[in-house]
Amino acid sequence: MEQRKPPQYILDVFADPICVKDIVRGILHTIFFHRYFPSIRPSSIEVLDLTLPLVADPELETLIDTRVGQLIRQLSSTSSPKSSVRGSLVVQFFEKKRRKGGGLGWFTGGAKGDEEVCWESWCLEVTLATPKTEMERTKVMKAIGSTLQKTAMKIITLVNRDKDHIPPITTSETNPFPFHIELNPRVEGWGKTIGMF
């Protein structure tokens, strides 16, 4: 049986150095609000006059803040006064599946146990703009607000439309689906497998 490739959703995020942290945090929390299955106490945050959901889970908030901080440091260290800078964060949700035994031992993955299989991926492509004048800043802030609203609506549309790929909950663990947030992940392919890229 061939495994289906999990859906990957790409979100283009536009921000300036002043509001990038709040915008990326808000978008990540919006994704997790719709895909984090443990019991949560819903909350909200205001980002550029837009109310976004907030998952009030200390462990998740710490992970989000850590990854957003890493992204900001990376964007700041590569910023150029003449152009915008890009970076990305990828959120992946997994299900634990029982690894099938058998085969030829270690070479074919004959070990038994659980493996994590990705069932959904969200890629935030963040573009950091650095306006030079007050007029440019006004235009950039207007574009940022518009992009944030469109991104939040895109997330809501996608999570409401695409539900069939979500695996059934088969465990009594608090969080049935592990997740990862990666900064600038490498492209999948044979080069990564053999350690070339």
N, C-alpha and C. Protein backbone atom coordinates (compact mmCIF):
# COMPACT_ATOMS: atom_id res chain seq x y z
N MET A 1 0.84 -1.17 0.00
CA MET A 1 0.00 0.00 0.00
C MET A 1 0.89 1.24 0.00
N GLU A 2 0.69 2.10 -0.96
CA GLU A 2 1.51 3.30 -1.08
C GLU A 2 0.99 4.38 -0.14
N GLN A 3 1.92 5.03 0.55
CA GLN A 3 1.55 6.07 1.49
C GLN A 3 1.33 7.38 0.75
N ARG A 4 0.21 8.04 1.06
CA ARG A 4 -0.09 9.32 0.44
C ARG A 4 0.78 10.41 1.03
N LYS A 5 1.12 11.36 0.19
CA LYS A 5 1.91 12.50 0.65
C LYS A 5 0.97 13.41 1.46
N PRO A 6 1.42 13.86 2.63
CA PRO A 6 0.54 14.70 3.45
C PRO A 6 0.33 16.07 2.80
N PRO A 7 -0.83 16.68 3.03
CA PRO A 7 -1.05 18.01 2.48
C PRO A 7 -0.07 19.01 3.09
N GLN A 8 0.42 19.90 2.24
CA GLN A 8 1.31 20.96 2.70
C GLN A 8 0.68 22.29 2.31
N TYR A 9 0.52 23.15 3.29
CA TYR A 9 -0.09 24.45 3.07
C TYR A 9 1.00 25.51 3.21
N ILE A 10 1.06 26.40 2.23
CA ILE A 10 2.08 27.44 2.23
C ILE A 10 1.41 28.78 2.54
N LEU A 11 1.94 29.46 3.53
CA LEU A 11 1.41 30.75 3.95
C LEU A 11 2.50 31.80 3.78
N ASP A 12 2.22 32.81 2.98
CA ASP A 12 3.17 33.91 2.80
C ASP A 12 2.88 34.97 3.85
N VAL A 13 3.89 35.28 4.64
CA VAL A 13 3.76 36.22 5.74
C VAL A 13 4.67 37.41 5.46
N PHE A 14 4.13 38.60 5.61
CA PHE A 14 4.86 39.83 5.35
C PHE A 14 4.91 40.62 6.65
N ALA A 15 6.09 41.08 7.06
CA ALA A 15 6.21 41.80 8.32
C ALA A 15 7.39 42.75 8.27
N ASP A 16 7.45 43.63 9.26
CA ASP A 16 8.62 44.49 9.42
C ASP A 16 9.29 44.12 10.75
N PRO A 17 10.48 44.62 11.00
CA PRO A 17 11.19 44.21 12.22
C PRO A 17 10.43 44.48 13.53
N ILE A 18 9.57 45.47 13.54
CA ILE A 18 8.86 45.83 14.76
C ILE A 18 7.76 44.83 15.11
N CYS A 19 7.04 44.33 14.10
CA CYS A 19 5.89 43.47 14.39
C CYS A 19 6.06 42.01 13.97
N VAL A 20 7.22 41.62 13.49
CA VAL A 20 7.40 40.25 13.00
C VAL A 20 7.13 39.22 14.09
N LYS A 21 7.55 39.47 15.30
CA LYS A 21 7.36 38.50 16.38
C LYS A 21 5.87 38.25 16.63
N ASP A 22 5.10 39.32 16.77
CA ASP A 22 3.67 39.18 17.05
C ASP A 22 2.92 38.52 15.89
N ILE A 23 3.30 38.86 14.68
CA ILE A 23 2.62 38.30 13.51
C ILE A 23 2.88 36.81 13.38
N VAL A 24 4.13 36.39 13.47
CA VAL A 24 4.46 34.96 13.33
C VAL A 24 3.87 34.17 14.49
N ARG A 25 3.97 34.71 15.70
CA ARG A 25 3.35 34.04 16.87
C ARG A 25 1.84 33.88 16.66
N GLY A 26 1.20 34.93 16.20
CA GLY A 26 -0.25 34.89 15.98
C GLY A 26 -0.65 33.86 14.95
N ILE A 27 0.10 33.76 13.87
CA ILE A 27 -0.20 32.78 12.82
C ILE A 27 0.03 31.36 13.34
N LEU A 28 1.13 31.13 14.04
CA LEU A 28 1.39 29.80 14.60
C LEU A 28 0.29 29.39 15.58
N HIS A 29 -0.11 30.31 16.44
CA HIS A 29 -1.18 29.99 17.38
C HIS A 29 -2.51 29.72 16.66
N THR A 30 -2.75 30.41 15.56
CA THR A 30 -3.98 30.17 14.79
C THR A 30 -3.97 28.75 14.22
N ILE A 31 -2.84 28.32 13.70
CA ILE A 31 -2.72 26.94 13.19
C ILE A 31 -2.95 25.94 14.32
N PHE A 32 -2.24 26.13 15.43
CA PHE A 32 -2.36 25.18 16.54
C PHE A 32 -3.76 25.19 17.16
N PHE A 33 -4.42 26.31 17.17
CA PHE A 33 -5.77 26.38 17.72
C PHE A 33 -6.70 25.40 16.99
N HIS A 34 -6.46 25.21 15.70
CA HIS A 34 -7.31 24.33 14.90
C HIS A 34 -6.77 22.91 14.76
N ARG A 35 -5.52 22.67 15.14
CA ARG A 35 -4.94 21.34 14.95
C ARG A 35 -4.33 20.72 16.21
N TYR A 36 -4.47 21.37 17.33
CA TYR A 36 -3.93 20.87 18.60
C TYR A 36 -5.11 20.26 19.35
N PHE A 37 -5.09 18.95 19.57
CA PHE A 37 -6.27 18.25 20.04
C PHE A 37 -6.42 18.08 21.56
N PRO A 38 -5.40 18.34 22.38
CA PRO A 38 -5.65 18.26 23.82
C PRO A 38 -6.65 19.33 24.26
N SER A 39 -7.19 19.15 25.44
CA SER A 39 -8.08 20.16 25.99
C SER A 39 -7.28 21.44 26.22
N ILE A 40 -7.82 22.53 25.76
CA ILE A 40 -7.14 23.82 25.94
C ILE A 40 -8.12 24.85 26.47
N ARG A 41 -7.56 25.86 27.08
CA ARG A 41 -8.36 27.00 27.50
C ARG A 41 -8.17 28.06 26.42
N PRO A 42 -9.21 28.30 25.62
CA PRO A 42 -9.02 29.27 24.53
C PRO A 42 -8.78 30.68 25.06
N SER A 43 -7.97 31.36 24.34
CA SER A 43 -7.64 32.73 24.67
C SER A 43 -7.42 33.46 23.35
N SER A 44 -7.10 34.72 23.41
CA SER A 44 -6.87 35.44 22.16
C SER A 44 -5.80 36.51 22.35
N ILE A 45 -5.24 36.92 21.22
CA ILE A 45 -4.25 38.00 21.21
C ILE A 45 -4.64 39.00 20.13
N GLU A 46 -4.27 40.22 20.34
CA GLU A 46 -4.51 41.28 19.36
C GLU A 46 -3.22 41.53 18.59
N VAL A 47 -3.30 41.41 17.28
CA VAL A 47 -2.15 41.69 16.42
C VAL A 47 -2.63 42.64 15.33
N LEU A 48 -2.14 43.85 15.33
CA LEU A 48 -2.52 44.86 14.34
C LEU A 48 -4.04 44.98 14.19
N ASP A 49 -4.72 45.16 15.30
CA ASP A 49 -6.18 45.31 15.34
C ASP A 49 -6.95 44.09 14.84
N LEU A 50 -6.31 42.93 14.83
CA LEU A 50 -6.96 41.68 14.44
C LEU A 50 -6.88 40.74 15.64
N THR A 51 -8.01 40.18 16.03
CA THR A 51 -8.04 39.24 17.15
C THR A 51 -7.77 37.84 16.61
N LEU A 52 -6.71 37.21 17.14
CA LEU A 52 -6.34 35.86 16.73
C LEU A 52 -6.41 34.93 17.93
N PRO A 53 -6.68 33.63 17.68
CA PRO A 53 -6.73 32.69 18.81
C PRO A 53 -5.35 32.44 19.40
N LEU A 54 -5.33 32.10 20.67
CA LEU A 54 -4.09 31.79 21.37
C LEU A 54 -4.30 30.48 22.13
N VAL A 55 -3.40 29.54 21.96
CA VAL A 55 -3.46 28.29 22.70
C VAL A 55 -2.69 28.50 24.00
N ALA A 56 -3.42 28.49 25.09
CA ALA A 56 -2.82 28.76 26.40
C ALA A 56 -2.25 27.47 26.98
N ASP A 57 -1.18 27.00 26.39
CA ASP A 57 -0.47 25.81 26.86
C ASP A 57 0.99 26.22 27.04
N PRO A 58 1.51 26.22 28.27
CA PRO A 58 2.86 26.72 28.52
C PRO A 58 3.94 26.05 27.68
N GLU A 59 3.85 24.74 27.51
CA GLU A 59 4.86 24.02 26.73
C GLU A 59 4.85 24.45 25.26
N LEU A 60 3.65 24.55 24.70
CA LEU A 60 3.52 24.97 23.30
C LEU A 60 3.96 26.42 23.14
N GLU A 61 3.56 27.28 24.06
CA GLU A 61 3.95 28.69 23.98
C GLU A 61 5.47 28.85 24.04
N THR A 62 6.12 28.06 24.88
CA THR A 62 7.58 28.11 24.98
C THR A 62 8.22 27.69 23.67
N LEU A 63 7.73 26.61 23.06
CA LEU A 63 8.27 26.16 21.78
C LEU A 63 8.06 27.20 20.69
N ILE A 64 6.86 27.76 20.63
CA ILE A 64 6.58 28.80 19.62
C ILE A 64 7.50 30.00 19.83
N ASP A 65 7.62 30.47 21.07
CA ASP A 65 8.47 31.63 21.35
C ASP A 65 9.94 31.35 21.00
N THR A 66 10.39 30.12 21.26
CA THR A 66 11.77 29.74 20.94
C THR A 66 12.00 29.78 19.43
N ARG A 67 11.11 29.17 18.66
CA ARG A 67 11.27 29.13 17.20
C ARG A 67 11.13 30.52 16.58
N VAL A 68 10.19 31.31 17.08
CA VAL A 68 10.03 32.67 16.56
C VAL A 68 11.28 33.49 16.87
N GLY A 69 11.84 33.33 18.06
CA GLY A 69 13.09 34.03 18.42
C GLY A 69 14.23 33.63 17.51
N GLN A 70 14.33 32.33 17.21
CA GLN A 70 15.38 31.85 16.30
C GLN A 70 15.20 32.45 14.90
N LEU A 71 13.95 32.50 14.45
CA LEU A 71 13.66 33.08 13.12
C LEU A 71 14.05 34.55 13.09
N ILE A 72 13.70 35.29 14.13
CA ILE A 72 14.01 36.72 14.18
C ILE A 72 15.52 36.95 14.18
N ARG A 73 16.25 36.13 14.97
CA ARG A 73 17.72 36.26 14.98
C ARG A 73 18.30 35.98 13.60
N GLN A 74 17.77 34.96 12.95
CA GLN A 74 18.26 34.61 11.61
C GLN A 74 17.95 35.73 10.60
N LEU A 75 16.74 36.27 10.68
CA LEU A 75 16.37 37.36 9.77
C LEU A 75 17.19 38.61 10.05
N SER A 76 17.44 38.90 11.31
CA SER A 76 18.21 40.08 11.68
C SER A 76 19.67 39.96 11.26
N SER A 77 20.22 38.77 11.34
CA SER A 77 21.64 38.60 11.00
C SER A 77 21.88 38.63 9.50
N THR A 78 20.82 38.39 8.71
CA THR A 78 20.99 38.42 7.26
C THR A 78 20.30 39.61 6.62
N SER A 79 19.84 40.56 7.44
CA SER A 79 19.10 41.69 6.87
C SER A 79 20.00 42.56 6.01
N SER A 80 19.39 43.05 4.96
CA SER A 80 20.10 43.90 4.02
C SER A 80 19.37 45.23 3.95
N PRO A 81 20.08 46.34 3.98
CA PRO A 81 19.41 47.63 3.96
C PRO A 81 18.67 47.91 2.64
N LYS A 82 19.04 47.22 1.57
CA LYS A 82 18.44 47.51 0.27
C LYS A 82 17.26 46.63 -0.09
N SER A 83 17.12 45.48 0.55
CA SER A 83 16.06 44.58 0.14
C SER A 83 15.43 43.88 1.33
N SER A 84 14.41 43.10 1.04
CA SER A 84 13.76 42.34 2.09
C SER A 84 14.50 41.02 2.28
N VAL A 85 14.26 40.39 3.41
CA VAL A 85 14.92 39.14 3.78
C VAL A 85 13.84 38.09 3.99
N ARG A 86 14.15 36.84 3.66
CA ARG A 86 13.17 35.76 3.81
C ARG A 86 13.68 34.66 4.74
N GLY A 87 12.74 34.05 5.41
CA GLY A 87 13.01 32.89 6.25
C GLY A 87 11.74 32.06 6.30
N SER A 88 11.85 30.86 6.83
CA SER A 88 10.64 30.03 6.90
C SER A 88 10.60 29.19 8.17
N LEU A 89 9.38 28.92 8.58
CA LEU A 89 9.10 28.00 9.67
C LEU A 89 8.13 26.96 9.12
N VAL A 90 8.35 25.70 9.49
CA VAL A 90 7.44 24.64 9.06
C VAL A 90 6.90 23.94 10.29
N VAL A 91 5.58 23.82 10.33
CA VAL A 91 4.89 23.09 11.39
C VAL A 91 4.41 21.78 10.79
N GLN A 92 4.77 20.67 11.41
CA GLN A 92 4.33 19.36 10.93
C GLN A 92 3.62 18.62 12.06
N PHE A 93 2.51 17.98 11.69
CA PHE A 93 1.75 17.16 12.63
C PHE A 93 1.92 15.70 12.23
N PHE A 94 2.11 14.84 13.24
CA PHE A 94 2.41 13.43 13.01
C PHE A 94 1.41 12.54 13.74
N GLU A 95 1.31 11.32 13.24
CA GLU A 95 0.62 10.28 13.98
C GLU A 95 1.63 9.19 14.28
N LYS A 96 1.45 8.53 15.39
CA LYS A 96 2.34 7.42 15.73
C LYS A 96 1.74 6.15 15.14
N LYS A 97 2.55 5.45 14.35
CA LYS A 97 2.12 4.19 13.75
C LYS A 97 3.06 3.10 14.21
N ARG A 98 2.53 1.93 14.36
CA ARG A 98 3.32 0.78 14.72
C ARG A 98 4.19 0.40 13.53
N ARG A 99 5.49 0.36 13.72
CA ARG A 99 6.42 -0.01 12.66
C ARG A 99 6.29 -1.51 12.44
N LYS A 100 6.21 -1.89 11.18
CA LYS A 100 6.08 -3.30 10.84
C LYS A 100 7.42 -4.00 11.02
N GLY A 101 7.41 -5.17 11.59
CA GLY A 101 8.63 -5.95 11.81
C GLY A 101 8.98 -6.76 10.58
N GLY A 102 10.05 -7.48 10.66
CA GLY A 102 10.46 -8.34 9.56
C GLY A 102 11.54 -7.68 8.73
N GLY A 103 11.81 -8.23 7.59
CA GLY A 103 12.82 -7.66 6.71
C GLY A 103 14.18 -8.21 7.03
N LEU A 104 15.18 -7.50 6.62
CA LEU A 104 16.56 -7.97 6.76
C LEU A 104 17.31 -7.25 7.88
N GLY A 105 16.62 -6.96 8.96
CA GLY A 105 17.31 -6.34 10.09
C GLY A 105 17.42 -4.83 9.94
N TRP A 106 18.55 -4.30 10.36
CA TRP A 106 18.73 -2.83 10.43
C TRP A 106 18.68 -2.17 9.06
N PHE A 107 19.09 -2.85 8.00
CA PHE A 107 19.19 -2.21 6.69
C PHE A 107 17.82 -1.86 6.12
N THR A 108 16.82 -2.68 6.38
CA THR A 108 15.49 -2.43 5.82
C THR A 108 14.51 -1.94 6.86
N GLY A 109 14.99 -1.58 8.02
CA GLY A 109 14.10 -1.07 9.05
C GLY A 109 13.30 -2.18 9.71
N GLY A 110 13.90 -3.33 9.91
CA GLY A 110 13.22 -4.46 10.49
C GLY A 110 12.89 -4.30 11.96
N ALA A 111 13.32 -3.21 12.57
CA ALA A 111 13.05 -3.02 13.99
C ALA A 111 11.58 -2.70 14.21
N LYS A 112 11.05 -3.20 15.32
CA LYS A 112 9.67 -2.91 15.67
C LYS A 112 9.63 -1.70 16.58
N GLY A 113 8.45 -1.10 16.71
CA GLY A 113 8.28 0.06 17.56
C GLY A 113 7.37 1.05 16.86
N ASP A 114 7.32 2.26 17.37
CA ASP A 114 6.49 3.29 16.77
C ASP A 114 7.31 4.17 15.85
N GLU A 115 6.67 4.64 14.80
CA GLU A 115 7.30 5.63 13.93
C GLU A 115 6.32 6.78 13.77
N GLU A 116 6.85 7.96 13.54
CA GLU A 116 6.00 9.13 13.33
C GLU A 116 5.82 9.34 11.83
N VAL A 117 4.56 9.44 11.42
CA VAL A 117 4.23 9.65 10.02
C VAL A 117 3.50 10.98 9.91
N CYS A 118 4.03 11.87 9.09
CA CYS A 118 3.46 13.21 8.94
C CYS A 118 2.10 13.13 8.23
N TRP A 119 1.10 13.81 8.78
CA TRP A 119 -0.20 13.86 8.13
C TRP A 119 -0.59 15.27 7.67
N GLU A 120 0.19 16.29 8.08
CA GLU A 120 -0.10 17.64 7.62
C GLU A 120 1.10 18.53 7.88
N SER A 121 1.33 19.47 6.97
CA SER A 121 2.48 20.36 7.07
C SER A 121 2.06 21.78 6.69
N TRP A 122 2.53 22.75 7.47
CA TRP A 122 2.27 24.17 7.21
C TRP A 122 3.62 24.87 7.07
N CYS A 123 3.82 25.57 5.98
CA CYS A 123 5.07 26.29 5.75
C CYS A 123 4.78 27.79 5.76
N LEU A 124 5.38 28.50 6.71
CA LEU A 124 5.27 29.95 6.79
C LEU A 124 6.50 30.54 6.12
N GLU A 125 6.29 31.18 4.99
CA GLU A 125 7.36 31.88 4.29
C GLU A 125 7.30 33.34 4.74
N VAL A 126 8.26 33.74 5.55
CA VAL A 126 8.25 35.07 6.15
C VAL A 126 9.17 36.00 5.37
N THR A 127 8.60 37.12 4.93
CA THR A 127 9.37 38.16 4.26
C THR A 127 9.44 39.36 5.21
N LEU A 128 10.65 39.77 5.52
CA LEU A 128 10.86 40.89 6.43
C LEU A 128 11.22 42.12 5.60
N ALA A 129 10.37 43.13 5.68
CA ALA A 129 10.62 44.38 4.95
C ALA A 129 11.20 45.41 5.91
N THR A 130 12.07 46.24 5.39
CA THR A 130 12.65 47.31 6.21
C THR A 130 12.38 48.65 5.54
N PRO A 131 11.26 49.30 5.88
CA PRO A 131 10.95 50.61 5.28
C PRO A 131 11.94 51.67 5.75
N LYS A 132 12.27 52.57 4.84
CA LYS A 132 13.27 53.59 5.14
C LYS A 132 12.65 54.93 5.55
N THR A 133 11.51 55.25 4.97
CA THR A 133 10.87 56.53 5.27
C THR A 133 9.54 56.29 5.97
N GLU A 134 8.99 57.34 6.53
CA GLU A 134 7.69 57.23 7.21
C GLU A 134 6.58 56.89 6.21
N MET A 135 6.69 57.41 5.00
CA MET A 135 5.69 57.11 3.98
C MET A 135 5.76 55.62 3.60
N GLU A 136 6.97 55.11 3.45
CA GLU A 136 7.15 53.68 3.16
C GLU A 136 6.60 52.85 4.31
N ARG A 137 6.86 53.28 5.54
CA ARG A 137 6.39 52.54 6.71
C ARG A 137 4.87 52.47 6.73
N THR A 138 4.20 53.56 6.38
CA THR A 138 2.73 53.56 6.34
C THR A 138 2.22 52.56 5.32
N LYS A 139 2.83 52.54 4.13
CA LYS A 139 2.44 51.58 3.09
C LYS A 139 2.69 50.14 3.53
N VAL A 140 3.85 49.92 4.14
CA VAL A 140 4.22 48.58 4.59
C VAL A 140 3.25 48.10 5.67
N MET A 141 2.91 48.96 6.63
CA MET A 141 2.00 48.56 7.71
C MET A 141 0.62 48.21 7.16
N LYS A 142 0.18 48.94 6.16
CA LYS A 142 -1.12 48.65 5.52
C LYS A 142 -1.06 47.28 4.83
N ALA A 143 0.02 47.02 4.12
CA ALA A 143 0.19 45.73 3.44
C ALA A 143 0.31 44.59 4.46
N ILE A 144 1.00 44.83 5.56
CA ILE A 144 1.17 43.81 6.60
C ILE A 144 -0.19 43.45 7.20
N GLY A 145 -0.99 44.45 7.53
CA GLY A 145 -2.31 44.20 8.11
C GLY A 145 -3.21 43.42 7.15
N SER A 146 -3.17 43.79 5.89
CA SER A 146 -3.97 43.10 4.88
C SER A 146 -3.52 41.65 4.71
N THR A 147 -2.20 41.44 4.65
CA THR A 147 -1.65 40.09 4.49
C THR A 147 -1.97 39.22 5.71
N LEU A 148 -1.88 39.79 6.89
CA LEU A 148 -2.20 39.04 8.11
C LEU A 148 -3.65 38.58 8.11
N GLN A 149 -4.54 39.48 7.75
CA GLN A 149 -5.97 39.12 7.72
C GLN A 149 -6.23 38.03 6.67
N LYS A 150 -5.63 38.16 5.49
CA LYS A 150 -5.81 37.15 4.44
C LYS A 150 -5.24 35.80 4.88
N THR A 151 -4.10 35.83 5.56
CA THR A 151 -3.47 34.59 6.03
C THR A 151 -4.34 33.90 7.08
N ALA A 152 -4.87 34.67 8.02
CA ALA A 152 -5.75 34.09 9.06
C ALA A 152 -7.00 33.47 8.41
N MET A 153 -7.57 34.16 7.44
CA MET A 153 -8.75 33.62 6.75
C MET A 153 -8.40 32.38 5.93
N LYS A 154 -7.21 32.36 5.34
CA LYS A 154 -6.78 31.19 4.58
C LYS A 154 -6.65 29.98 5.50
N ILE A 155 -6.08 30.17 6.68
CA ILE A 155 -5.95 29.07 7.64
C ILE A 155 -7.34 28.54 8.00
N ILE A 156 -8.25 29.43 8.33
CA ILE A 156 -9.60 29.02 8.72
C ILE A 156 -10.30 28.28 7.58
N THR A 157 -10.16 28.78 6.37
CA THR A 157 -10.77 28.12 5.21
C THR A 157 -10.18 26.72 5.02
N LEU A 158 -8.86 26.60 5.09
CA LEU A 158 -8.22 25.30 4.87
C LEU A 158 -8.58 24.28 5.95
N VAL A 159 -8.55 24.68 7.21
CA VAL A 159 -8.84 23.71 8.27
C VAL A 159 -10.30 23.28 8.27
N ASN A 160 -11.18 24.16 7.83
CA ASN A 160 -12.60 23.79 7.74
C ASN A 160 -12.89 22.94 6.52
N ARG A 161 -12.13 23.14 5.45
CA ARG A 161 -12.35 22.40 4.21
C ARG A 161 -11.66 21.04 4.22
N ASP A 162 -10.42 21.00 4.70
CA ASP A 162 -9.61 19.79 4.60
C ASP A 162 -9.52 19.08 5.95
N LYS A 163 -10.40 18.10 6.14
CA LYS A 163 -10.43 17.36 7.40
C LYS A 163 -10.24 15.86 7.20
N ASP A 164 -10.45 15.39 5.99
CA ASP A 164 -10.47 13.95 5.74
C ASP A 164 -9.12 13.27 5.98
N HIS A 165 -8.03 14.01 5.91
CA HIS A 165 -6.71 13.41 6.08
C HIS A 165 -6.29 13.29 7.54
N ILE A 166 -7.05 13.88 8.46
CA ILE A 166 -6.70 13.82 9.87
C ILE A 166 -6.93 12.39 10.36
N PRO A 167 -5.89 11.76 10.90
CA PRO A 167 -6.04 10.37 11.34
C PRO A 167 -6.95 10.26 12.58
N PRO A 168 -7.51 9.09 12.78
CA PRO A 168 -8.33 8.90 13.99
C PRO A 168 -7.44 8.93 15.24
N ILE A 169 -8.02 9.36 16.33
CA ILE A 169 -7.30 9.37 17.60
C ILE A 169 -7.40 7.96 18.17
N THR A 170 -6.25 7.32 18.31
CA THR A 170 -6.23 5.92 18.75
C THR A 170 -5.47 5.73 20.06
N THR A 171 -5.23 6.81 20.76
CA THR A 171 -4.48 6.73 22.01
C THR A 171 -5.17 7.58 23.07
N SER A 172 -4.86 7.30 24.29
CA SER A 172 -5.43 8.09 25.38
C SER A 172 -4.43 9.13 25.89
N GLU A 173 -3.33 9.29 25.16
CA GLU A 173 -2.33 10.30 25.55
C GLU A 173 -2.96 11.69 25.50
N THR A 174 -2.40 12.59 26.28
CA THR A 174 -2.91 13.96 26.31
C THR A 174 -2.87 14.59 24.92
N ASN A 175 -1.74 14.44 24.23
CA ASN A 175 -1.61 14.95 22.87
C ASN A 175 -1.45 13.76 21.94
N PRO A 176 -2.51 13.39 21.21
CA PRO A 176 -2.43 12.19 20.37
C PRO A 176 -1.54 12.36 19.14
N PHE A 177 -1.27 13.60 18.75
CA PHE A 177 -0.49 13.84 17.54
C PHE A 177 0.74 14.70 17.84
N PRO A 178 1.92 14.08 17.84
CA PRO A 178 3.14 14.87 18.04
C PRO A 178 3.30 15.90 16.92
N PHE A 179 4.07 16.92 17.18
CA PHE A 179 4.30 17.95 16.17
C PHE A 179 5.73 18.46 16.29
N HIS A 180 6.19 19.08 15.21
CA HIS A 180 7.52 19.69 15.17
C HIS A 180 7.38 21.07 14.54
N ILE A 181 8.18 22.01 15.00
CA ILE A 181 8.29 23.33 14.35
C ILE A 181 9.76 23.46 13.97
N GLU A 182 10.02 23.53 12.67
CA GLU A 182 11.39 23.59 12.17
C GLU A 182 11.67 24.95 11.55
N LEU A 183 12.88 25.44 11.75
CA LEU A 183 13.33 26.70 11.16
C LEU A 183 14.10 26.40 9.89
N ASN A 184 13.70 27.01 8.79
CA ASN A 184 14.37 26.85 7.49
C ASN A 184 14.74 25.39 7.19
N PRO A 185 13.75 24.52 7.14
CA PRO A 185 14.08 23.11 6.90
C PRO A 185 14.66 22.90 5.51
N ARG A 186 15.49 21.88 5.40
CA ARG A 186 16.07 21.55 4.10
C ARG A 186 15.02 20.86 3.25
N VAL A 187 15.20 20.93 1.96
CA VAL A 187 14.29 20.28 1.02
C VAL A 187 14.48 18.78 1.10
N GLU A 188 13.35 18.05 1.08
CA GLU A 188 13.42 16.59 1.09
C GLU A 188 14.00 16.09 -0.22
N GLY A 189 14.68 14.99 -0.19
CA GLY A 189 15.20 14.41 -1.43
C GLY A 189 16.36 13.49 -1.15
N TRP A 190 16.89 12.91 -2.20
CA TRP A 190 17.97 11.93 -2.04
C TRP A 190 19.23 12.57 -1.47
N GLY A 191 19.48 13.84 -1.78
CA GLY A 191 20.68 14.50 -1.27
C GLY A 191 20.66 14.61 0.25
N LYS A 192 19.48 14.87 0.81
CA LYS A 192 19.38 14.95 2.27
C LYS A 192 19.58 13.57 2.88
N THR A 193 19.05 12.55 2.21
CA THR A 193 19.14 11.21 2.75
C THR A 193 20.58 10.76 2.92
N ILE A 194 21.44 11.10 1.97
CA ILE A 194 22.83 10.67 2.08
C ILE A 194 23.73 11.75 2.66
N GLY A 195 23.13 12.85 3.13
CA GLY A 195 23.88 13.86 3.84
C GLY A 195 24.63 14.83 2.95
N MET A 196 24.20 15.01 1.70
CA MET A 196 24.90 15.93 0.81
C MET A 196 24.45 17.36 0.96
N PHE A 197 23.22 17.60 1.35
CA PHE A 197 22.69 18.96 1.40
C PHE A 197 22.28 19.35 2.80
